[in-house]
Amino acid sequence: MTSPAAAQGAQPRASLSLGDAVAMIVGIVIGVGIFRAPPIVAGSTGSESVFLALWIAGGVISFVGALCYAELGSAYPNAGGEYFFLRRAFGDWPGFLFAWARMTVIQTGAIAAIAFVVGDYATQMLSLGEKSSAIYAALAVALITGLNVIGTTQSKWLQNTLTLVLALSVLGVVVAGLTAAPAAVAAAPAAADKSVPLFSGLALIFILLTYGGWNEAAYLTAEMRDTRRGIVRALIIGILIITVLYLLLNLAYLNALGLTGMRESKAVATDLMKVTWGDSGALVLGAAVVAAALSTLNATVFTGARTNYALGRDFALFGLLGKWHERSDSPVNALLLQGAIALLLVLLASFTPDGFQTMVAYTAPAFWLFFLLTGISLFVLRRKPPVNADPFRVPLYPLTPILFCAMCVYMLYSSFNYAMSLDPGSIGAIVGIAMLCAGIPVMFAARGTQRQS
């Protein structure tokens, strides 16, 4: 029987190298989280050694999840990523609901959130008025979406360039912090530490959020030149680079500000640069954060459209999304719809006090719900024949995926509580849950339009 992909004509080409995939993973993960989360983590830990140990633990947990995704991606390389895994493991409808959630909530909400970070920092350099952040956010979404519509080659070169700029910027902050004389605040009396627990679960929540995004590599498998080993190597190398950079950056924070100084900081990296390089250093950091956010935005737009493409490939109701444009080597219609939804979310969040927080509340619960289901799918797919004859197998099975699923349960519970406690009844949480539930009637409407596979 003809596969749906074949019926749609042009298909994804294996054009991404190992370096391209690593740059995409690093660019997605190292975003604004590392410039926001450390003070919160510092406020939830009682000593510098525990603080650093938790960041190492975050890398280890991410590595465990990456091993699970490496097996899924190696065994079933597909542009649909998690959508394809869920559909193959549990049937069409869990896969459909994930694709719907990713198209309307998870990925588009993440795109809008990242765009607001661009807007927040760009506004500090040049304000465009009361809605300056939202205006910059909308421009960023339109610009990056347009670039991806032009073509995959242009998008991946931008990603590689922005990732290099980001890495150099982070290393610049690291050098500034590590070479600075230990701050006086670091030598201040530690009496305040007595009121801080040695470890709080809130610390790990924000650490794992900062490490989040490596799973997007699942959407690159169909376009990688080595589908069997490439995804494994890309995930391992990417997470190793990320963990090392995070440790160096946090060591720089500690050296320049101390744990007490970090707790008191509202913008830890900006404070570090002011201590070492003055106001000009803070301006450099602003540019670095914008580069980080654009890097993350580009990679998120790139991978998000692949699920929309897979949805259109499998359901005639969304058939326009399932067309792969050979000239640009990209799913143009899927990109355009994704961009339009993200722009609507930017508009919605522009009427709230903090667009970024609104979008976090909008996306987080749905994200961790389907992350958990993807982990469970590994147990189901182990019993089915893989596409690749000799795929990568996760070591220490079943302990490794059990640990991953347990982490997902914890994060699902924590993220829901965080979203609701942040602003009970917030418009972001309400709209996000409503959009997820709206996928159920759409699912029944699409039932009669499913393509044969």
Protein backbone atom coordinates (compact mmCIF):
# COMPACT_ATOMS: atom_id res chain seq x y z
CA MET A 1 0.00 0.00 0.00
CA THR A 2 1.32 3.42 -0.87
CA SER A 3 2.50 5.40 2.10
CA PRO A 4 0.93 8.77 2.76
CA ALA A 5 4.27 10.47 2.37
CA ALA A 6 4.74 9.07 -1.06
CA ALA A 7 1.29 10.12 -2.06
CA GLN A 8 2.13 13.69 -1.23
CA GLY A 9 4.99 13.93 -3.74
CA ALA A 10 8.14 15.65 -2.54
CA GLN A 11 9.45 14.44 0.80
CA PRO A 12 12.11 15.52 3.32
CA ARG A 13 15.69 15.10 2.08
CA ALA A 14 18.61 13.88 4.16
CA SER A 15 20.40 17.23 4.14
CA LEU A 16 21.35 17.73 7.81
CA SER A 17 24.82 16.77 9.01
CA LEU A 18 25.79 15.82 12.55
CA GLY A 19 27.08 19.35 13.08
CA ASP A 20 23.78 20.84 11.87
CA ALA A 21 21.81 18.68 14.32
CA VAL A 22 24.11 19.46 17.25
CA ALA A 23 23.81 23.19 16.50
CA MET A 24 20.01 22.85 16.40
CA ILE A 25 19.91 21.03 19.77
CA VAL A 26 22.31 23.44 21.47
CA GLY A 27 20.47 26.42 19.98
CA ILE A 28 17.11 25.20 21.27
CA VAL A 29 18.25 24.36 24.79
CA ILE A 30 20.63 27.23 25.56
CA GLY A 31 18.10 29.97 25.46
CA VAL A 32 17.02 32.53 28.02
CA GLY A 33 16.52 30.00 30.82
CA ILE A 34 20.16 30.09 31.86
CA PHE A 35 19.86 33.88 32.26
CA ARG A 36 16.68 33.61 34.37
CA ALA A 37 16.71 30.37 36.36
CA PRO A 38 19.98 30.50 38.42
CA PRO A 39 18.76 33.07 40.99
CA ILE A 40 15.63 30.99 41.62
CA VAL A 41 17.72 27.84 41.97
CA ALA A 42 20.16 29.64 44.28
CA GLY A 43 17.23 30.71 46.45
CA SER A 44 16.15 27.08 46.77
CA THR A 45 19.52 25.57 47.77
CA GLY A 46 21.53 25.91 50.96
CA SER A 47 25.11 25.70 49.68
CA GLU A 48 27.23 26.26 46.60
CA SER A 49 28.13 22.56 46.35
CA VAL A 50 24.46 21.55 46.32
CA PHE A 51 23.73 24.30 43.82
CA LEU A 52 26.35 22.96 41.37
CA ALA A 53 25.41 19.33 42.04
CA LEU A 54 21.81 20.06 41.03
CA TRP A 55 22.94 21.50 37.70
CA ILE A 56 24.96 18.34 37.08
CA ALA A 57 21.89 16.28 38.03
CA GLY A 58 19.85 18.23 35.49
CA GLY A 59 22.34 17.24 32.78
CA VAL A 60 22.22 13.59 33.87
CA ILE A 61 18.41 13.51 33.84
CA SER A 62 18.38 15.13 30.40
CA PHE A 63 20.90 12.56 29.23
CA VAL A 64 18.63 9.75 30.45
CA GLY A 65 15.73 11.21 28.48
CA ALA A 66 17.96 11.69 25.46
CA LEU A 67 18.89 8.00 25.50
CA CYS A 68 15.18 7.10 25.33
CA TYR A 69 14.61 9.53 22.46
CA ALA A 70 17.75 8.26 20.73
CA GLU A 71 16.27 4.75 20.58
CA LEU A 72 12.91 6.03 19.33
CA GLY A 73 14.53 8.26 16.72
CA SER A 74 17.01 5.60 15.60
CA ALA A 75 14.35 2.88 15.33
CA TYR A 76 11.70 5.11 13.73
CA PRO A 77 13.25 8.07 11.86
CA ASN A 78 10.38 10.29 10.79
CA ALA A 79 9.74 14.01 10.32
CA GLY A 80 6.72 13.67 12.66
CA GLY A 81 8.93 12.89 15.66
CA GLU A 82 6.88 12.32 18.82
CA TYR A 83 3.66 12.41 16.79
CA PHE A 84 4.88 9.41 14.82
CA PHE A 85 6.04 7.56 17.96
CA LEU A 86 2.70 8.05 19.74
CA ARG A 87 0.67 7.11 16.69
CA ARG A 88 2.67 3.94 16.09
CA ALA A 89 2.55 2.94 19.77
CA PHE A 90 -1.02 3.81 20.78
CA GLY A 91 -2.94 4.31 17.54
CA ASP A 92 -4.09 7.25 15.50
CA TRP A 93 -5.98 9.29 18.08
CA PRO A 94 -3.34 9.86 20.80
CA GLY A 95 -1.02 10.81 17.95
CA PHE A 96 -3.62 13.15 16.52
CA LEU A 97 -4.24 14.86 19.86
CA PHE A 98 -0.50 15.37 20.32
CA ALA A 99 -0.17 16.89 16.85
CA TRP A 100 -3.15 19.14 17.58
CA ALA A 101 -1.70 20.18 20.94
CA ARG A 102 1.70 20.84 19.41
CA MET A 103 0.19 22.91 16.59
CA THR A 104 -2.12 25.00 18.80
CA VAL A 105 -0.53 24.95 22.28
CA ILE A 106 2.91 23.44 22.82
CA GLN A 107 5.07 24.62 19.94
CA THR A 108 3.22 27.77 19.02
CA GLY A 109 3.07 28.80 22.68
CA ALA A 110 6.81 28.18 23.00
CA ILE A 111 7.45 30.26 19.87
CA ALA A 112 5.40 33.13 21.32
CA ALA A 113 7.16 32.88 24.70
CA ILE A 114 10.62 32.98 23.12
CA ALA A 115 9.55 35.87 20.91
CA PHE A 116 8.54 37.86 24.01
CA VAL A 117 12.04 37.37 25.40
CA VAL A 118 13.40 38.89 22.19
CA GLY A 119 10.92 41.71 22.65
CA ASP A 120 11.76 42.30 26.32
CA TYR A 121 15.49 42.63 25.71
CA ALA A 122 15.17 44.53 22.44
CA THR A 123 12.94 47.03 24.22
CA GLN A 124 15.71 47.72 26.73
CA MET A 125 17.90 48.86 23.85
CA LEU A 126 15.21 50.70 21.85
CA SER A 127 11.65 51.06 23.08
CA LEU A 128 8.81 51.25 20.56
CA GLY A 129 6.22 52.40 23.08
CA GLU A 130 3.74 50.77 25.45
CA LYS A 131 3.45 47.56 23.40
CA SER A 132 7.11 47.53 22.39
CA SER A 133 7.79 43.98 23.60
CA ALA A 134 4.79 42.58 21.70
CA ILE A 135 5.75 44.48 18.54
CA TYR A 136 9.29 43.09 18.63
CA ALA A 137 7.89 39.63 19.39
CA ALA A 138 5.57 39.74 16.37
CA LEU A 139 8.40 40.96 14.13
CA ALA A 140 10.64 38.14 15.34
CA VAL A 141 7.98 35.50 14.62
CA ALA A 142 7.32 36.90 11.15
CA LEU A 143 11.03 37.21 10.32
CA ILE A 144 12.07 33.73 11.44
CA THR A 145 8.98 32.10 9.88
CA GLY A 146 9.70 33.88 6.59
CA LEU A 147 13.29 32.71 6.62
CA ASN A 148 12.21 29.10 7.13
CA VAL A 149 9.68 29.45 4.30
CA ILE A 150 12.48 30.58 2.00
CA GLY A 151 14.31 27.34 2.62
CA THR A 152 15.93 24.81 4.95
CA THR A 153 19.45 25.70 3.78
CA GLN A 154 19.04 29.35 4.79
CA SER A 155 17.46 28.35 8.10
CA LYS A 156 20.18 25.92 9.08
CA TRP A 157 22.95 28.40 8.20
CA LEU A 158 21.27 31.03 10.35
CA GLN A 159 20.98 28.46 13.13
CA ASN A 160 24.65 27.53 12.93
CA THR A 161 25.66 31.21 12.93
CA LEU A 162 23.41 32.19 15.83
CA THR A 163 24.51 29.15 17.84
CA LEU A 164 28.15 30.14 17.34
CA VAL A 165 27.38 33.73 18.41
CA LEU A 166 25.47 32.40 21.40
CA ALA A 167 28.28 30.06 22.46
CA LEU A 168 30.86 32.84 22.15
CA SER A 169 28.64 35.22 24.13
CA VAL A 170 28.13 32.68 26.92
CA LEU A 171 31.88 31.99 26.98
CA GLY A 172 32.48 35.74 27.21
CA VAL A 173 30.27 35.90 30.31
CA VAL A 174 32.07 32.84 31.70
CA VAL A 175 35.51 34.41 31.20
CA ALA A 176 34.37 37.70 32.72
CA GLY A 177 32.96 35.95 35.79
CA LEU A 178 35.80 33.48 36.36
CA THR A 179 38.57 36.04 35.93
CA ALA A 180 36.93 38.62 38.20
CA ALA A 181 38.08 38.95 41.78
CA PRO A 182 35.70 37.10 44.10
CA ALA A 183 32.89 39.47 44.92
CA ALA A 184 32.58 40.94 48.40
CA VAL A 185 29.06 39.57 48.59
CA ALA A 186 30.53 36.09 48.29
CA ALA A 187 32.38 36.65 51.56
CA ALA A 188 29.35 38.06 53.36
CA PRO A 189 28.11 36.26 56.47
CA ALA A 190 26.11 33.14 55.60
CA ALA A 191 23.56 33.63 58.37
CA ALA A 192 20.79 33.99 55.79
CA ASP A 193 21.56 30.47 54.56
CA LYS A 194 20.15 29.00 57.78
CA SER A 195 16.65 29.80 56.56
CA VAL A 196 17.27 28.13 53.20
CA PRO A 197 16.76 24.36 52.92
CA LEU A 198 19.64 22.29 51.63
CA PHE A 199 17.50 21.34 48.67
CA SER A 200 14.08 22.31 47.36
CA GLY A 201 12.10 20.67 44.57
CA LEU A 202 11.56 24.11 43.03
CA ALA A 203 15.26 24.20 42.16
CA LEU A 204 15.06 21.05 40.03
CA ILE A 205 11.90 22.29 38.31
CA PHE A 206 13.67 25.34 36.95
CA ILE A 207 16.86 23.45 36.17
CA LEU A 208 14.96 20.92 34.04
CA LEU A 209 13.06 23.73 32.35
CA THR A 210 16.40 25.33 31.51
CA TYR A 211 17.64 22.05 30.04
CA GLY A 212 14.40 21.56 28.11
CA GLY A 213 14.25 21.39 24.33
CA TRP A 214 16.65 18.60 23.45
CA ASN A 215 13.68 16.40 22.50
CA GLU A 216 13.22 18.54 19.38
CA ALA A 217 15.97 16.42 17.82
CA ALA A 218 13.28 13.78 17.20
CA TYR A 219 11.96 15.96 14.35
CA LEU A 220 15.32 16.00 12.58
CA THR A 221 15.68 12.24 12.08
CA ALA A 222 14.09 12.09 8.62
CA GLU A 223 16.41 14.85 7.38
CA MET A 224 19.68 13.53 8.85
CA ARG A 225 22.22 11.87 6.61
CA ASP A 226 22.88 9.07 9.10
CA THR A 227 19.51 8.13 10.58
CA ARG A 228 20.85 5.16 12.51
CA ARG A 229 23.69 6.72 14.47
CA GLY A 230 23.39 10.44 13.77
CA ILE A 231 20.56 11.17 16.20
CA VAL A 232 22.35 9.30 19.01
CA ARG A 233 25.58 11.18 18.49
CA ALA A 234 23.82 14.52 18.10
CA LEU A 235 21.94 14.13 21.38
CA ILE A 236 24.97 12.94 23.36
CA ILE A 237 27.29 15.64 22.02
CA GLY A 238 24.65 18.35 22.33
CA ILE A 239 23.74 17.59 25.95
CA LEU A 240 27.43 17.27 26.91
CA ILE A 241 28.16 20.72 25.44
CA ILE A 242 25.12 22.20 27.17
CA THR A 243 25.99 20.72 30.57
CA VAL A 244 29.58 21.96 30.43
CA LEU A 245 28.48 25.48 29.40
CA TYR A 246 25.85 25.59 32.17
CA LEU A 247 28.38 24.53 34.80
CA LEU A 248 30.93 27.10 33.63
CA LEU A 249 28.32 29.86 33.55
CA ASN A 250 27.09 29.04 37.06
CA LEU A 251 30.66 28.88 38.35
CA ALA A 252 31.16 32.36 36.88
CA TYR A 253 27.99 33.60 38.63
CA LEU A 254 29.18 32.16 41.94
CA ASN A 255 32.67 33.63 41.62
CA ALA A 256 31.45 37.14 40.74
CA LEU A 257 28.37 37.36 42.97
CA GLY A 258 28.40 34.47 45.43
CA LEU A 259 25.34 32.40 46.29
CA THR A 260 23.90 35.17 48.46
CA GLY A 261 24.38 37.74 45.71
CA MET A 262 22.70 35.45 43.20
CA ARG A 263 19.67 35.08 45.45
CA GLU A 264 19.29 38.84 45.64
CA SER A 265 19.69 39.35 41.89
CA LYS A 266 16.79 39.90 39.53
CA ALA A 267 19.02 39.63 36.43
CA VAL A 268 22.04 37.60 37.44
CA ALA A 269 23.98 37.77 34.17
CA THR A 270 23.43 41.51 33.85
CA ASP A 271 24.66 42.00 37.42
CA LEU A 272 27.73 39.89 36.66
CA MET A 273 28.59 41.98 33.61
CA LYS A 274 28.06 45.23 35.52
CA VAL A 275 30.46 44.03 38.20
CA THR A 276 33.15 43.07 35.69
CA TRP A 277 32.71 45.31 32.64
CA GLY A 278 30.33 48.04 33.78
CA ASP A 279 27.24 49.28 31.93
CA SER A 280 28.80 48.51 28.55
CA GLY A 281 29.03 44.88 29.64
CA ALA A 282 25.32 44.85 30.41
CA LEU A 283 24.62 46.13 26.89
CA VAL A 284 26.75 43.32 25.42
CA LEU A 285 24.80 40.84 27.49
CA GLY A 286 21.50 42.21 26.17
CA ALA A 287 22.68 41.50 22.64
CA ALA A 288 23.78 38.01 23.72
CA VAL A 289 20.34 37.24 25.17
CA VAL A 290 18.65 38.42 21.97
CA ALA A 291 20.98 36.13 19.98
CA ALA A 292 20.14 33.26 22.32
CA ALA A 293 16.42 33.86 21.96
CA LEU A 294 16.61 34.14 18.16
CA SER A 295 18.64 30.94 18.00
CA THR A 296 16.02 29.14 20.07
CA LEU A 297 13.19 30.71 18.09
CA ASN A 298 14.64 29.62 14.74
CA ALA A 299 15.17 26.03 15.86
CA THR A 300 11.69 25.88 17.43
CA VAL A 301 10.01 27.19 14.28
CA PHE A 302 12.01 24.72 12.17
CA THR A 303 11.05 21.63 14.17
CA GLY A 304 7.48 22.67 15.01
CA ALA A 305 6.35 22.82 11.41
CA ARG A 306 7.42 19.18 10.89
CA THR A 307 4.61 17.90 13.13
CA ASN A 308 2.07 20.00 11.26
CA TYR A 309 3.41 18.52 8.04
CA ALA A 310 2.98 14.98 9.43
CA LEU A 311 -0.58 15.77 10.51
CA GLY A 312 -1.51 16.96 7.02
CA ARG A 313 0.23 13.96 5.51
CA ASP A 314 -1.99 11.59 7.52
CA PHE A 315 -5.36 13.41 7.60
CA ALA A 316 -7.02 14.91 4.54
CA LEU A 317 -8.79 17.47 6.73
CA PHE A 318 -5.35 19.09 7.15
CA GLY A 319 -4.12 18.06 3.73
CA LEU A 320 -2.68 21.47 2.82
CA LEU A 321 -0.22 21.14 5.68
CA GLY A 322 1.11 17.85 4.31
CA LYS A 323 2.68 19.33 1.19
CA TRP A 324 6.49 19.45 1.10
CA HIS A 325 7.82 22.19 -1.19
CA GLU A 326 10.77 20.81 -3.09
CA ARG A 327 12.28 24.17 -4.11
CA SER A 328 12.58 25.46 -0.53
CA ASP A 329 12.92 21.94 0.92
CA SER A 330 10.46 22.85 3.67
CA PRO A 331 6.75 22.42 4.61
CA VAL A 332 5.72 25.94 3.63
CA ASN A 333 2.01 25.69 4.45
CA ALA A 334 2.75 24.15 7.85
CA LEU A 335 5.19 26.96 8.59
CA LEU A 336 2.69 29.64 7.60
CA LEU A 337 -0.10 28.22 9.79
CA GLN A 338 2.28 27.83 12.72
CA GLY A 339 3.42 31.43 12.32
CA ALA A 340 -0.17 32.70 12.15
CA ILE A 341 -1.14 30.90 15.39
CA ALA A 342 1.98 32.16 17.14
CA LEU A 343 1.16 35.72 16.09
CA LEU A 344 -2.36 35.36 17.51
CA LEU A 345 -0.85 34.17 20.80
CA VAL A 346 1.50 37.16 20.83
CA LEU A 347 -1.56 39.39 20.37
CA LEU A 348 -3.39 37.63 23.20
CA ALA A 349 -0.43 37.83 25.59
CA SER A 350 0.16 41.49 24.75
CA PHE A 351 -2.88 42.34 26.89
CA THR A 352 -1.38 40.64 29.98
CA PRO A 353 1.24 42.06 32.40
CA ASP A 354 3.95 39.57 31.36
CA GLY A 355 3.70 37.93 27.94
CA PHE A 356 6.46 35.41 28.68
CA GLN A 357 4.85 34.11 31.89
CA THR A 358 1.46 33.96 30.18
CA MET A 359 2.88 31.72 27.48
CA VAL A 360 4.65 29.48 30.04
CA ALA A 361 1.31 28.93 31.78
CA TYR A 362 -0.25 28.29 28.35
CA THR A 363 2.19 25.55 27.27
CA ALA A 364 3.84 23.74 30.21
CA PRO A 365 1.15 21.27 31.40
CA ALA A 366 0.40 19.97 27.89
CA PHE A 367 4.12 19.69 27.13
CA TRP A 368 4.89 17.42 30.09
CA LEU A 369 1.73 15.33 29.57
CA PHE A 370 2.81 14.29 26.08
CA PHE A 371 6.45 14.02 27.14
CA LEU A 372 5.30 11.34 29.61
CA LEU A 373 3.26 9.52 26.95
CA THR A 374 6.28 9.51 24.63
CA GLY A 375 8.38 7.89 27.37
CA ILE A 376 5.71 5.21 27.86
CA SER A 377 5.62 4.62 24.08
CA LEU A 378 9.17 3.24 24.26
CA PHE A 379 7.91 0.22 26.24
CA VAL A 380 5.21 -0.42 23.63
CA LEU A 381 7.44 0.05 20.58
CA ARG A 382 10.10 -2.29 21.97
CA ARG A 383 7.67 -5.09 21.14
CA LYS A 384 7.19 -3.98 17.53
CA PRO A 385 9.59 -4.33 14.60
CA PRO A 386 11.64 -1.15 14.05
CA VAL A 387 12.06 0.59 10.70
CA ASN A 388 15.84 0.32 11.01
CA ALA A 389 17.06 -3.26 11.20
CA ASP A 390 19.70 -2.52 13.86
CA PRO A 391 18.67 0.56 15.84
CA PHE A 392 20.31 2.02 18.93
CA ARG A 393 19.01 0.44 22.14
CA VAL A 394 18.78 2.37 25.40
CA PRO A 395 21.12 0.84 28.02
CA LEU A 396 19.83 -0.60 31.33
CA TYR A 397 16.35 -1.12 29.91
CA PRO A 398 13.76 -0.94 31.51
CA LEU A 399 15.29 1.09 34.38
CA THR A 400 16.34 3.99 32.14
CA PRO A 401 12.90 4.70 30.61
CA ILE A 402 11.24 4.15 34.03
CA LEU A 403 13.44 6.88 35.49
CA PHE A 404 12.58 9.15 32.55
CA CYS A 405 8.84 8.59 32.98
CA ALA A 406 9.08 9.25 36.72
CA MET A 407 10.76 12.57 35.99
CA CYS A 408 7.96 13.44 33.56
CA VAL A 409 5.27 12.70 36.16
CA TYR A 410 7.03 14.97 38.64
CA MET A 411 7.37 17.76 36.10
CA LEU A 412 3.75 17.42 34.96
CA TYR A 413 2.53 17.83 38.53
CA SER A 414 4.96 20.65 39.28
CA SER A 415 4.37 22.59 36.08
CA PHE A 416 0.61 22.52 36.53
CA ASN A 417 0.93 23.76 40.10
CA TYR A 418 3.39 26.42 38.99
CA ALA A 419 1.13 27.65 36.19
CA MET A 420 -1.86 27.94 38.50
CA SER A 421 0.00 29.42 41.48
CA LEU A 422 1.71 31.95 39.24
CA ASP A 423 -1.64 33.52 38.40
CA PRO A 424 -4.68 31.44 39.42
CA GLY A 425 -7.23 31.52 36.66
CA SER A 426 -4.76 33.18 34.30
CA ILE A 427 -5.84 33.68 30.73
CA GLY A 428 -2.84 31.69 29.53
CA ALA A 429 -3.72 28.57 31.51
CA ILE A 430 -7.42 28.79 30.67
CA VAL A 431 -6.90 29.28 26.93
CA GLY A 432 -4.25 26.56 26.80
CA ILE A 433 -6.52 23.98 28.44
CA ALA A 434 -9.42 25.06 26.24
CA MET A 435 -7.36 24.66 23.07
CA LEU A 436 -6.20 21.19 24.16
CA CYS A 437 -9.80 20.11 24.83
CA ALA A 438 -10.92 21.57 21.49
CA GLY A 439 -8.80 18.91 19.81
CA ILE A 440 -11.29 16.20 20.85
CA PRO A 441 -14.18 17.28 18.57
CA VAL A 442 -11.69 18.10 15.82
CA MET A 443 -10.35 14.56 16.21
CA PHE A 444 -13.80 13.09 15.54
CA ALA A 445 -14.25 15.41 12.57
CA ALA A 446 -10.94 14.21 11.15
CA ARG A 447 -11.79 10.54 11.68
CA GLY A 448 -13.38 10.18 8.25
CA THR A 449 -10.53 11.96 6.48
CA GLN A 450 -7.70 9.71 7.66
CA ARG A 451 -5.37 8.54 4.91
CA GLN A 452 -4.45 4.88 4.65
CA SER A 453 -0.93 3.92 5.73
